[in-house]
PDB file of N, CA and C in Angstrom:
ATOM      1  N   UNK A   1       0.224  61.146 -13.982  1.00  0.00           N
ATOM      2  CA  UNK A   1       1.548  61.005 -13.448  1.00  0.00           C
ATOM      3  C   UNK A   1       2.622  61.204 -14.499  1.00  0.00           C
ATOM      4  N   UNK A   2       2.235  61.287 -15.758  1.00  0.00           N
ATOM      5  CA  UNK A   2       3.230  61.470 -16.801  1.00  0.00           C
ATOM      6  C   UNK A   2       3.865  60.180 -17.280  1.00  0.00           C
ATOM      7  N   UNK A   3       3.274  59.046 -16.925  1.00  0.00           N
ATOM      8  CA  UNK A   3       3.814  57.751 -17.324  1.00  0.00           C
ATOM      9  C   UNK A   3       2.929  57.185 -18.423  1.00  0.00           C
ATOM     10  N   UNK A   4       3.540  56.767 -19.499  1.00  0.00           N
ATOM     11  CA  UNK A   4       2.786  56.198 -20.611  1.00  0.00           C
ATOM     12  C   UNK A   4       3.219  54.748 -20.799  1.00  0.00           C
ATOM     13  N   UNK A   5       2.267  53.836 -20.731  1.00  0.00           N
ATOM     14  CA  UNK A   5       2.573  52.416 -20.909  1.00  0.00           C
ATOM     15  C   UNK A   5       2.779  52.118 -22.389  1.00  0.00           C
ATOM     16  N   UNK A   6       3.844  51.411 -22.691  1.00  0.00           N
ATOM     17  CA  UNK A   6       4.122  50.979 -24.057  1.00  0.00           C
ATOM     18  C   UNK A   6       4.164  49.459 -24.025  1.00  0.00           C
ATOM     19  N   UNK A   7       3.127  48.848 -24.559  1.00  0.00           N
ATOM     20  CA  UNK A   7       2.992  47.400 -24.514  1.00  0.00           C
ATOM     21  C   UNK A   7       3.266  46.838 -25.904  1.00  0.00           C
ATOM     22  N   UNK A   8       4.120  45.851 -25.964  1.00  0.00           N
ATOM     23  CA  UNK A   8       4.477  45.247 -27.248  1.00  0.00           C
ATOM     24  C   UNK A   8       3.303  44.463 -27.817  1.00  0.00           C
ATOM     25  N   UNK A   9       3.192  44.494 -29.124  1.00  0.00           N
ATOM     26  CA  UNK A   9       2.155  43.720 -29.794  1.00  0.00           C
ATOM     27  C   UNK A   9       2.601  42.271 -29.904  1.00  0.00           C
ATOM     28  N   UNK A  10       1.641  41.398 -30.047  1.00  0.00           N
ATOM     29  CA  UNK A  10       1.967  39.980 -30.185  1.00  0.00           C
ATOM     30  C   UNK A  10       2.584  39.698 -31.549  1.00  0.00           C
ATOM     31  N   UNK A  11       3.343  38.627 -31.580  1.00  0.00           N
ATOM     32  CA  UNK A  11       3.975  38.135 -32.810  1.00  0.00           C
ATOM     33  C   UNK A  11       4.903  39.163 -33.450  1.00  0.00           C
ATOM     34  N   UNK A  12       5.593  39.946 -32.620  1.00  0.00           N
ATOM     35  CA  UNK A  12       6.600  40.875 -33.136  1.00  0.00           C
ATOM     36  C   UNK A  12       7.953  40.179 -33.086  1.00  0.00           C
ATOM     37  N   UNK A  13       8.803  40.512 -34.006  1.00  0.00           N
ATOM     38  CA  UNK A  13      10.134  39.923 -34.017  1.00  0.00           C
ATOM     39  C   UNK A  13      10.977  40.529 -32.898  1.00  0.00           C
ATOM     40  N   UNK A  14      12.006  39.811 -32.497  1.00  0.00           N
ATOM     41  CA  UNK A  14      12.911  40.308 -31.469  1.00  0.00           C
ATOM     42  C   UNK A  14      13.707  41.484 -32.023  1.00  0.00           C
ATOM     43  N   UNK A  15      14.107  42.365 -31.142  1.00  0.00           N
ATOM     44  CA  UNK A  15      14.877  43.522 -31.567  1.00  0.00           C
ATOM     45  C   UNK A  15      14.012  44.654 -32.078  1.00  0.00           C
ATOM     46  N   UNK A  16      12.731  44.656 -31.685  1.00  0.00           N
ATOM     47  CA  UNK A  16      11.829  45.699 -32.150  1.00  0.00           C
ATOM     48  C   UNK A  16      12.005  46.994 -31.372  1.00  0.00           C
ATOM     49  N   UNK A  17      12.873  46.989 -30.321  1.00  0.00           N
ATOM     50  CA  UNK A  17      13.130  48.210 -29.568  1.00  0.00           C
ATOM     51  C   UNK A  17      12.381  48.282 -28.254  1.00  0.00           C
ATOM     52  N   UNK A  18      11.478  47.364 -28.004  1.00  0.00           N
ATOM     53  CA  UNK A  18      10.737  47.369 -26.746  1.00  0.00           C
ATOM     54  C   UNK A  18      11.643  46.874 -25.629  1.00  0.00           C
ATOM     55  N   UNK A  19      11.530  47.450 -24.479  1.00  0.00           N
ATOM     56  CA  UNK A  19      12.293  47.000 -23.332  1.00  0.00           C
ATOM     57  C   UNK A  19      13.668  47.635 -23.198  1.00  0.00           C
ATOM     58  N   UNK A  20      13.956  48.670 -23.977  1.00  0.00           N
ATOM     59  CA  UNK A  20      15.275  49.298 -23.888  1.00  0.00           C
ATOM     60  C   UNK A  20      15.453  50.038 -22.571  1.00  0.00           C
ATOM     61  N   UNK A  21      14.370  50.517 -22.003  1.00  0.00           N
ATOM     62  CA  UNK A  21      14.447  51.275 -20.753  1.00  0.00           C
ATOM     63  C   UNK A  21      14.166  50.371 -19.560  1.00  0.00           C
ATOM     64  N   UNK A  22      13.513  49.258 -19.792  1.00  0.00           N
ATOM     65  CA  UNK A  22      13.103  48.381 -18.697  1.00  0.00           C
ATOM     66  C   UNK A  22      14.281  47.917 -17.851  1.00  0.00           C
ATOM     67  N   UNK A  23      15.413  47.616 -18.450  1.00  0.00           N
ATOM     68  CA  UNK A  23      16.557  47.119 -17.686  1.00  0.00           C
ATOM     69  C   UNK A  23      17.053  48.169 -16.709  1.00  0.00           C
ATOM     70  N   UNK A  24      16.941  49.456 -17.062  1.00  0.00           N
ATOM     71  CA  UNK A  24      17.372  50.508 -16.137  1.00  0.00           C
ATOM     72  C   UNK A  24      16.469  50.560 -14.911  1.00  0.00           C
ATOM     73  N   UNK A  25      15.178  50.386 -15.135  1.00  0.00           N
ATOM     74  CA  UNK A  25      14.229  50.388 -14.017  1.00  0.00           C
ATOM     75  C   UNK A  25      14.483  49.186 -13.123  1.00  0.00           C
ATOM     76  N   UNK A  26      14.662  48.012 -13.720  1.00  0.00           N
ATOM     77  CA  UNK A  26      14.917  46.807 -12.932  1.00  0.00           C
ATOM     78  C   UNK A  26      16.239  46.900 -12.175  1.00  0.00           C
ATOM     79  N   UNK A  27      17.261  47.493 -12.790  1.00  0.00           N
ATOM     80  CA  UNK A  27      18.542  47.664 -12.116  1.00  0.00           C
ATOM     81  C   UNK A  27      18.401  48.593 -10.914  1.00  0.00           C
ATOM     82  N   UNK A  28      17.652  49.676 -11.080  1.00  0.00           N
ATOM     83  CA  UNK A  28      17.463  50.622  -9.980  1.00  0.00           C
ATOM     84  C   UNK A  28      16.718  49.973  -8.828  1.00  0.00           C
ATOM     85  N   UNK A  29      15.691  49.201  -9.129  1.00  0.00           N
ATOM     86  CA  UNK A  29      14.947  48.499  -8.076  1.00  0.00           C
ATOM     87  C   UNK A  29      15.855  47.489  -7.384  1.00  0.00           C
ATOM     88  N   UNK A  30      16.700  46.806  -8.143  1.00  0.00           N
ATOM     89  CA  UNK A  30      17.636  45.845  -7.554  1.00  0.00           C
ATOM     90  C   UNK A  30      18.618  46.551  -6.624  1.00  0.00           C
ATOM     91  N   UNK A  31      19.098  47.730  -7.013  1.00  0.00           N
ATOM     92  CA  UNK A  31      20.000  48.494  -6.152  1.00  0.00           C
ATOM     93  C   UNK A  31      19.295  48.912  -4.866  1.00  0.00           C
ATOM     94  N   UNK A  32      18.040  49.351  -4.989  1.00  0.00           N
ATOM     95  CA  UNK A  32      17.287  49.749  -3.794  1.00  0.00           C
ATOM     96  C   UNK A  32      17.069  48.554  -2.871  1.00  0.00           C
ATOM     97  N   UNK A  33      16.753  47.411  -3.446  1.00  0.00           N
ATOM     98  CA  UNK A  33      16.537  46.216  -2.631  1.00  0.00           C
ATOM     99  C   UNK A  33      17.837  45.728  -2.006  1.00  0.00           C
ATOM    100  N   UNK A  34      18.968  46.102  -2.582  1.00  0.00           N
ATOM    101  CA  UNK A  34      20.254  45.728  -2.020  1.00  0.00           C
ATOM    102  C   UNK A  34      20.578  46.470  -0.734  1.00  0.00           C
ATOM    103  N   UNK A  35      19.905  47.593  -0.522  1.00  0.00           N
ATOM    104  CA  UNK A  35      20.087  48.343   0.716  1.00  0.00           C
ATOM    105  C   UNK A  35      19.122  47.786   1.755  1.00  0.00           C
ATOM    106  N   UNK A  36      19.660  47.294   2.842  1.00  0.00           N
ATOM    107  CA  UNK A  36      18.835  46.607   3.837  1.00  0.00           C
ATOM    108  C   UNK A  36      17.711  47.498   4.360  1.00  0.00           C
ATOM    109  N   UNK A  37      18.015  48.752   4.527  1.00  0.00           N
ATOM    110  CA  UNK A  37      17.017  49.681   5.054  1.00  0.00           C
ATOM    111  C   UNK A  37      15.810  49.764   4.123  1.00  0.00           C
ATOM    112  N   UNK A  38      16.022  49.584   2.838  1.00  0.00           N
ATOM    113  CA  UNK A  38      14.927  49.670   1.878  1.00  0.00           C
ATOM    114  C   UNK A  38      14.166  48.349   1.775  1.00  0.00           C
ATOM    115  N   UNK A  39      14.817  47.243   2.099  1.00  0.00           N
ATOM    116  CA  UNK A  39      14.129  45.945   2.058  1.00  0.00           C
ATOM    117  C   UNK A  39      13.184  45.782   3.227  1.00  0.00           C
ATOM    118  N   UNK A  40      13.661  46.144   4.414  1.00  0.00           N
ATOM    119  CA  UNK A  40      12.872  45.991   5.633  1.00  0.00           C
ATOM    120  C   UNK A  40      12.456  47.361   6.129  1.00  0.00           C
ATOM    121  N   UNK A  41      11.203  47.492   6.445  1.00  0.00           N
ATOM    122  CA  UNK A  41      10.702  48.783   6.906  1.00  0.00           C
ATOM    123  C   UNK A  41      10.629  48.771   8.423  1.00  0.00           C
ATOM    124  N   UNK A  42      11.442  49.595   9.051  1.00  0.00           N
ATOM    125  CA  UNK A  42      11.501  49.649  10.503  1.00  0.00           C
ATOM    126  C   UNK A  42      10.652  50.781  11.078  1.00  0.00           C
ATOM    127  N   UNK A  43      10.284  51.733  10.257  1.00  0.00           N
ATOM    128  CA  UNK A  43       9.593  52.922  10.743  1.00  0.00           C
ATOM    129  C   UNK A  43       8.136  52.638  11.063  1.00  0.00           C
ATOM    130  N   UNK A  44       7.649  53.291  12.073  1.00  0.00           N
ATOM    131  CA  UNK A  44       6.230  53.175  12.409  1.00  0.00           C
ATOM    132  C   UNK A  44       5.395  54.139  11.585  1.00  0.00           C
ATOM    133  N   UNK A  45       5.989  55.234  11.180  1.00  0.00           N
ATOM    134  CA  UNK A  45       5.258  56.245  10.423  1.00  0.00           C
ATOM    135  C   UNK A  45       5.465  56.033   8.925  1.00  0.00           C
ATOM    136  N   UNK A  46       4.365  56.009   8.181  1.00  0.00           N
ATOM    137  CA  UNK A  46       4.447  55.812   6.733  1.00  0.00           C
ATOM    138  C   UNK A  46       5.089  57.013   6.043  1.00  0.00           C
ATOM    139  N   UNK A  47       5.023  58.186   6.673  1.00  0.00           N
ATOM    140  CA  UNK A  47       5.578  59.385   6.045  1.00  0.00           C
ATOM    141  C   UNK A  47       7.108  59.360   5.984  1.00  0.00           C
ATOM    142  N   UNK A  48       7.740  58.452   6.705  1.00  0.00           N
ATOM    143  CA  UNK A  48       9.197  58.362   6.687  1.00  0.00           C
ATOM    144  C   UNK A  48       9.719  57.633   5.448  1.00  0.00           C
ATOM    145  N   UNK A  49       8.896  56.805   4.826  1.00  0.00           N
ATOM    146  CA  UNK A  49       9.341  56.006   3.683  1.00  0.00           C
ATOM    147  C   UNK A  49       9.804  56.863   2.505  1.00  0.00           C
ATOM    148  N   UNK A  50       9.069  57.924   2.114  1.00  0.00           N
ATOM    149  CA  UNK A  50       9.585  58.760   1.010  1.00  0.00           C
ATOM    150  C   UNK A  50      10.932  59.402   1.320  1.00  0.00           C
ATOM    151  N   UNK A  51      11.153  59.745   2.584  1.00  0.00           N
ATOM    152  CA  UNK A  51      12.446  60.329   2.958  1.00  0.00           C
ATOM    153  C   UNK A  51      13.562  59.304   2.781  1.00  0.00           C
ATOM    154  N   UNK A  52      13.321  58.065   3.179  1.00  0.00           N
ATOM    155  CA  UNK A  52      14.333  57.012   3.004  1.00  0.00           C
ATOM    156  C   UNK A  52      14.551  56.709   1.524  1.00  0.00           C
ATOM    157  N   UNK A  53      13.468  56.771   0.725  1.00  0.00           N
ATOM    158  CA  UNK A  53      13.616  56.561  -0.722  1.00  0.00           C
ATOM    159  C   UNK A  53      14.510  57.637  -1.331  1.00  0.00           C
ATOM    160  N   UNK A  54      14.293  58.890  -0.927  1.00  0.00           N
ATOM    161  CA  UNK A  54      15.106  59.989  -1.449  1.00  0.00           C
ATOM    162  C   UNK A  54      16.560  59.836  -1.017  1.00  0.00           C
ATOM    163  N   UNK A  55      16.779  59.448   0.223  1.00  0.00           N
ATOM    164  CA  UNK A  55      18.144  59.248   0.709  1.00  0.00           C
ATOM    165  C   UNK A  55      18.832  58.106  -0.041  1.00  0.00           C
ATOM    166  N   UNK A  56      18.110  57.025  -0.277  1.00  0.00           N
ATOM    167  CA  UNK A  56      18.683  55.889  -1.009  1.00  0.00           C
ATOM    168  C   UNK A  56      19.029  56.287  -2.443  1.00  0.00           C
ATOM    169  N   UNK A  57      18.163  57.080  -3.081  1.00  0.00           N
ATOM    170  CA  UNK A  57      18.454  57.544  -4.438  1.00  0.00           C
ATOM    171  C   UNK A  57      19.688  58.441  -4.448  1.00  0.00           C
ATOM    172  N   UNK A  58      19.833  59.272  -3.422  1.00  0.00           N
ATOM    173  CA  UNK A  58      21.014  60.134  -3.318  1.00  0.00           C
ATOM    174  C   UNK A  58      22.284  59.306  -3.151  1.00  0.00           C
ATOM    175  N   UNK A  59      22.210  58.268  -2.343  1.00  0.00           N
ATOM    176  CA  UNK A  59      23.370  57.393  -2.136  1.00  0.00           C
ATOM    177  C   UNK A  59      23.738  56.688  -3.438  1.00  0.00           C
ATOM    178  N   UNK A  60      22.726  56.235  -4.184  1.00  0.00           N
ATOM    179  CA  UNK A  60      22.996  55.568  -5.462  1.00  0.00           C
ATOM    180  C   UNK A  60      23.685  56.523  -6.433  1.00  0.00           C
ATOM    181  N   UNK A  61      23.202  57.762  -6.509  1.00  0.00           N
ATOM    182  CA  UNK A  61      23.824  58.747  -7.402  1.00  0.00           C
ATOM    183  C   UNK A  61      25.256  59.039  -6.973  1.00  0.00           C
ATOM    184  N   UNK A  62      25.476  59.161  -5.676  1.00  0.00           N
ATOM    185  CA  UNK A  62      26.825  59.420  -5.168  1.00  0.00           C
ATOM    186  C   UNK A  62      27.769  58.278  -5.533  1.00  0.00           C
ATOM    187  N   UNK A  63      27.295  57.050  -5.396  1.00  0.00           N
ATOM    188  CA  UNK A  63      28.136  55.898  -5.733  1.00  0.00           C
ATOM    189  C   UNK A  63      28.467  55.857  -7.217  1.00  0.00           C
ATOM    190  N   UNK A  64      27.516  56.272  -8.058  1.00  0.00           N
ATOM    191  CA  UNK A  64      27.778  56.289  -9.499  1.00  0.00           C
ATOM    192  C   UNK A  64      28.805  57.355  -9.869  1.00  0.00           C
ATOM    193  N   UNK A  65      28.797  58.467  -9.136  1.00  0.00           N
ATOM    194  CA  UNK A  65      29.703  59.566  -9.454  1.00  0.00           C
ATOM    195  C   UNK A  65      31.102  59.372  -8.883  1.00  0.00           C
ATOM    196  N   UNK A  66      31.246  58.472  -7.940  1.00  0.00           N
ATOM    197  CA  UNK A  66      32.559  58.235  -7.336  1.00  0.00           C
ATOM    198  C   UNK A  66      33.546  57.660  -8.317  1.00  0.00           C
TER     199      UNK A  66
END
């Protein structure tokens, strides 16, 4: 999938650079969960979920550009 896990080692000092991207992922998930349609799934067909995800991402981008 092109995703590489970066796991921090134990007993590292704070500010080692780990977690710099994590807040962006958590913020995006929080924005998606803020949209009611994304929290509750009303569709009977599972194939509709990716379409709603794409639409929600488009709405988020539009709001950022406004």
